Protein backbone atom coordinates (compact mmCIF):
# COMPACT_ATOMS: atom_id res chain seq x y z
CA UNK A 1 -39.31 184.81 39.65
CA UNK A 2 -42.24 184.11 41.87
CA UNK A 3 -41.97 183.68 45.68
CA UNK A 4 -42.03 179.90 45.46
CA UNK A 5 -39.09 179.85 43.04
CA UNK A 6 -37.18 182.21 45.24
CA UNK A 7 -37.90 179.95 48.25
CA UNK A 8 -36.40 177.00 46.38
CA UNK A 9 -33.18 178.91 45.70
CA UNK A 10 -32.94 180.13 49.38
CA UNK A 11 -33.54 176.55 50.73
CA UNK A 12 -30.92 175.04 48.35
CA UNK A 13 -28.28 177.70 49.29
CA UNK A 14 -28.93 177.41 53.00
CA UNK A 15 -28.54 173.61 52.94
CA UNK A 16 -24.88 174.13 52.46
CA UNK A 17 -24.74 175.48 56.03
CA UNK A 18 -27.07 173.04 57.77
CA UNK A 19 -30.55 171.46 57.69
CA UNK A 20 -33.07 173.58 55.81
CA UNK A 21 -36.60 172.88 54.56
CA UNK A 22 -39.47 174.68 52.91
CA UNK A 23 -42.49 174.78 55.11
CA UNK A 24 -46.24 174.66 54.23
CA UNK A 25 -48.35 174.34 57.40
CA UNK A 26 -52.11 174.69 57.08
CA UNK A 27 -52.54 173.52 60.68
CA UNK A 28 -50.80 176.70 61.85
CA UNK A 29 -51.50 179.66 59.52
CA UNK A 30 -48.68 182.19 59.66
CA UNK A 31 -45.78 179.66 59.90
CA UNK A 32 -42.79 181.05 58.00
CA UNK A 33 -41.70 179.65 54.66
CA UNK A 34 -38.23 178.26 55.67
CA UNK A 35 -36.95 176.38 58.68
CA UNK A 36 -33.11 176.44 59.11
CA UNK A 37 -30.94 174.46 61.64
CA UNK A 38 -27.25 175.38 61.77
CA UNK A 39 -24.86 172.40 61.18
CA UNK A 40 -23.19 171.25 64.45
CA UNK A 41 -25.02 173.73 66.67
CA UNK A 42 -28.42 173.76 68.38
CA UNK A 43 -29.37 177.01 66.70
CA UNK A 44 -32.39 177.28 64.42
CA UNK A 45 -34.27 180.09 62.73
CA UNK A 46 -37.45 180.63 60.79
CA UNK A 47 -37.57 182.88 57.73
CA UNK A 48 -40.67 184.38 56.08
CA UNK A 49 -40.03 185.24 52.48
CA UNK A 50 -41.79 187.98 50.52
CA UNK A 51 -41.24 189.08 46.95
CA UNK A 52 -42.21 192.25 45.13
CA UNK A 53 -41.42 192.67 41.45
CA UNK A 54 -40.82 196.45 41.47
CA UNK A 55 -40.17 199.22 43.96
CA UNK A 56 -43.18 201.54 44.63
CA UNK A 57 -43.08 204.89 42.74
CA UNK A 58 -43.27 207.16 45.80
CA UNK A 59 -40.35 207.10 48.27
CA UNK A 60 -42.26 208.62 51.22
CA UNK A 61 -45.27 206.50 51.28
CA UNK A 62 -45.42 203.26 53.31
CA UNK A 63 -44.08 200.42 51.43
CA UNK A 64 -46.65 197.72 51.45
CA UNK A 65 -45.39 194.16 51.38
CA UNK A 66 -48.15 192.18 49.71
CA UNK A 67 -49.38 189.03 51.38
CA UNK A 68 -47.60 189.84 54.68
CA UNK A 69 -50.64 188.68 56.59
CA UNK A 70 -51.56 189.44 60.22
CA UNK A 71 -51.22 185.71 60.95
CA UNK A 72 -47.59 185.85 59.82
CA UNK A 73 -46.86 188.89 61.86
CA UNK A 74 -48.55 187.35 64.90
CA UNK A 75 -46.52 184.03 64.45
CA UNK A 76 -43.35 185.97 64.33
CA UNK A 77 -44.37 187.97 67.41
CA UNK A 78 -45.18 184.87 69.51
CA UNK A 79 -42.06 183.01 68.46
CA UNK A 80 -39.75 186.09 69.06
CA UNK A 81 -41.33 186.75 72.41
CA UNK A 82 -40.66 183.21 73.56
CA UNK A 83 -36.99 183.47 72.70
CA UNK A 84 -37.00 182.11 69.11
CA UNK A 85 -35.53 183.43 65.94
CA UNK A 86 -37.81 184.43 63.13
CA UNK A 87 -37.06 186.90 60.37
CA UNK A 88 -38.74 188.60 57.45
CA UNK A 89 -36.73 188.40 54.19
CA UNK A 90 -38.01 190.64 51.45
CA UNK A 91 -36.91 190.69 47.86
CA UNK A 92 -37.75 193.72 45.71
CA UNK A 93 -36.52 193.60 42.07
CA UNK A 94 -32.86 192.55 42.64
CA UNK A 95 -32.41 193.79 46.09
CA UNK A 96 -32.84 191.80 49.35
CA UNK A 97 -33.76 193.04 52.78
CA UNK A 98 -33.58 190.94 55.94
CA UNK A 99 -35.54 192.37 58.91
CA UNK A 100 -35.09 191.68 62.59
CA UNK A 101 -38.32 190.21 64.10
CA UNK A 102 -38.93 193.40 66.11
CA UNK A 103 -38.98 195.43 62.91
CA UNK A 104 -41.10 192.81 61.08
CA UNK A 105 -43.60 193.07 63.97
CA UNK A 106 -43.72 196.85 64.61
CA UNK A 107 -42.79 198.54 61.31
CA UNK A 108 -43.31 196.55 58.12
CA UNK A 109 -46.57 197.47 56.43
CA UNK A 110 -47.20 199.93 59.20
CA UNK A 111 -44.67 202.85 58.96
CA UNK A 112 -41.70 202.00 56.73
CA UNK A 113 -41.32 204.09 53.64
CA UNK A 114 -39.28 203.03 50.63
CA UNK A 115 -36.61 205.40 52.00
CA UNK A 116 -36.59 203.73 55.38
CA UNK A 117 -36.70 200.22 54.13
CA UNK A 118 -32.88 199.72 53.80
CA UNK A 119 -32.22 201.72 56.92
CA UNK A 120 -34.27 199.42 59.14
CA UNK A 121 -33.02 196.17 57.53
CA UNK A 122 -30.45 194.10 59.43
CA UNK A 123 -28.92 193.44 56.10
CA UNK A 124 -29.48 194.81 52.50
CA UNK A 125 -27.85 193.07 49.56
CA UNK A 126 -28.02 194.36 45.96
CA UNK A 127 -27.77 191.87 43.12
CA UNK A 128 -26.50 188.87 44.97
CA UNK A 129 -27.10 187.56 48.51
CA UNK A 130 -24.10 186.71 50.66
CA UNK A 131 -25.49 183.43 52.12
CA UNK A 132 -22.67 182.99 54.57
CA UNK A 133 -23.45 186.39 55.98
CA UNK A 134 -27.18 185.58 55.95
CA UNK A 135 -26.57 182.41 58.03
CA UNK A 136 -24.43 184.38 60.53
CA UNK A 137 -27.24 186.95 61.01
CA UNK A 138 -30.12 184.62 61.36
CA UNK A 139 -28.16 182.34 63.79
CA UNK A 140 -26.73 185.09 65.96
CA UNK A 141 -29.48 187.84 66.02
CA UNK A 142 -33.13 187.93 66.41
CA UNK A 143 -33.96 186.56 69.75
CA UNK A 144 -35.87 188.59 72.25
CA UNK A 145 -33.18 188.14 74.91
CA UNK A 146 -35.53 186.14 77.20
CA UNK A 147 -33.49 184.57 79.92
CA UNK A 148 -34.31 182.15 82.51
CA UNK A 149 -35.37 183.87 85.73
CA UNK A 150 -32.87 183.87 88.40
CA UNK A 151 -33.68 181.57 91.20
CA UNK A 152 -33.91 183.18 94.65
CA UNK A 153 -32.55 181.52 97.75
CA UNK A 154 -36.06 180.21 98.61
CA UNK A 155 -36.72 178.33 95.47
CA UNK A 156 -36.18 174.59 95.34
CA UNK A 157 -34.70 172.52 92.60
CA UNK A 158 -37.20 170.01 91.28
CA UNK A 159 -36.29 166.33 91.71
CA UNK A 160 -36.30 164.20 88.60
CA UNK A 161 -37.42 160.57 88.57
């Protein structure tokens, strides 16, 4: 199955839990493949999908995820640093690895060996994805923890018209 076929499956499964669409955005290179909005809650997440047909032969070499481009890494970085949720979801053979944005930014294609791939993943499914668990993870993890700054006693509340 190629990446676009896998994307169709992921989108159709996630639609059971909320609003989900595949995304192609030539205006903003690096935009992830899937947008998801949780039903009944103002929580959304972006998911970049990558597919490898087979595991690399050598366990200790850096596992290279083909077509994980710098624009995609930068998009995830910017979104994450602004408090958004964006994940990297990699399929290799019949195993699935979901990465926290921090790992997608700092480790994937840089210093993760095949051995470390499952250790660094937020979730690792073999054979079949637990989509309910996937939804829980992408809607409750992955923000940078940016909080609104505390107002000091001298700050004023802005008036609205």
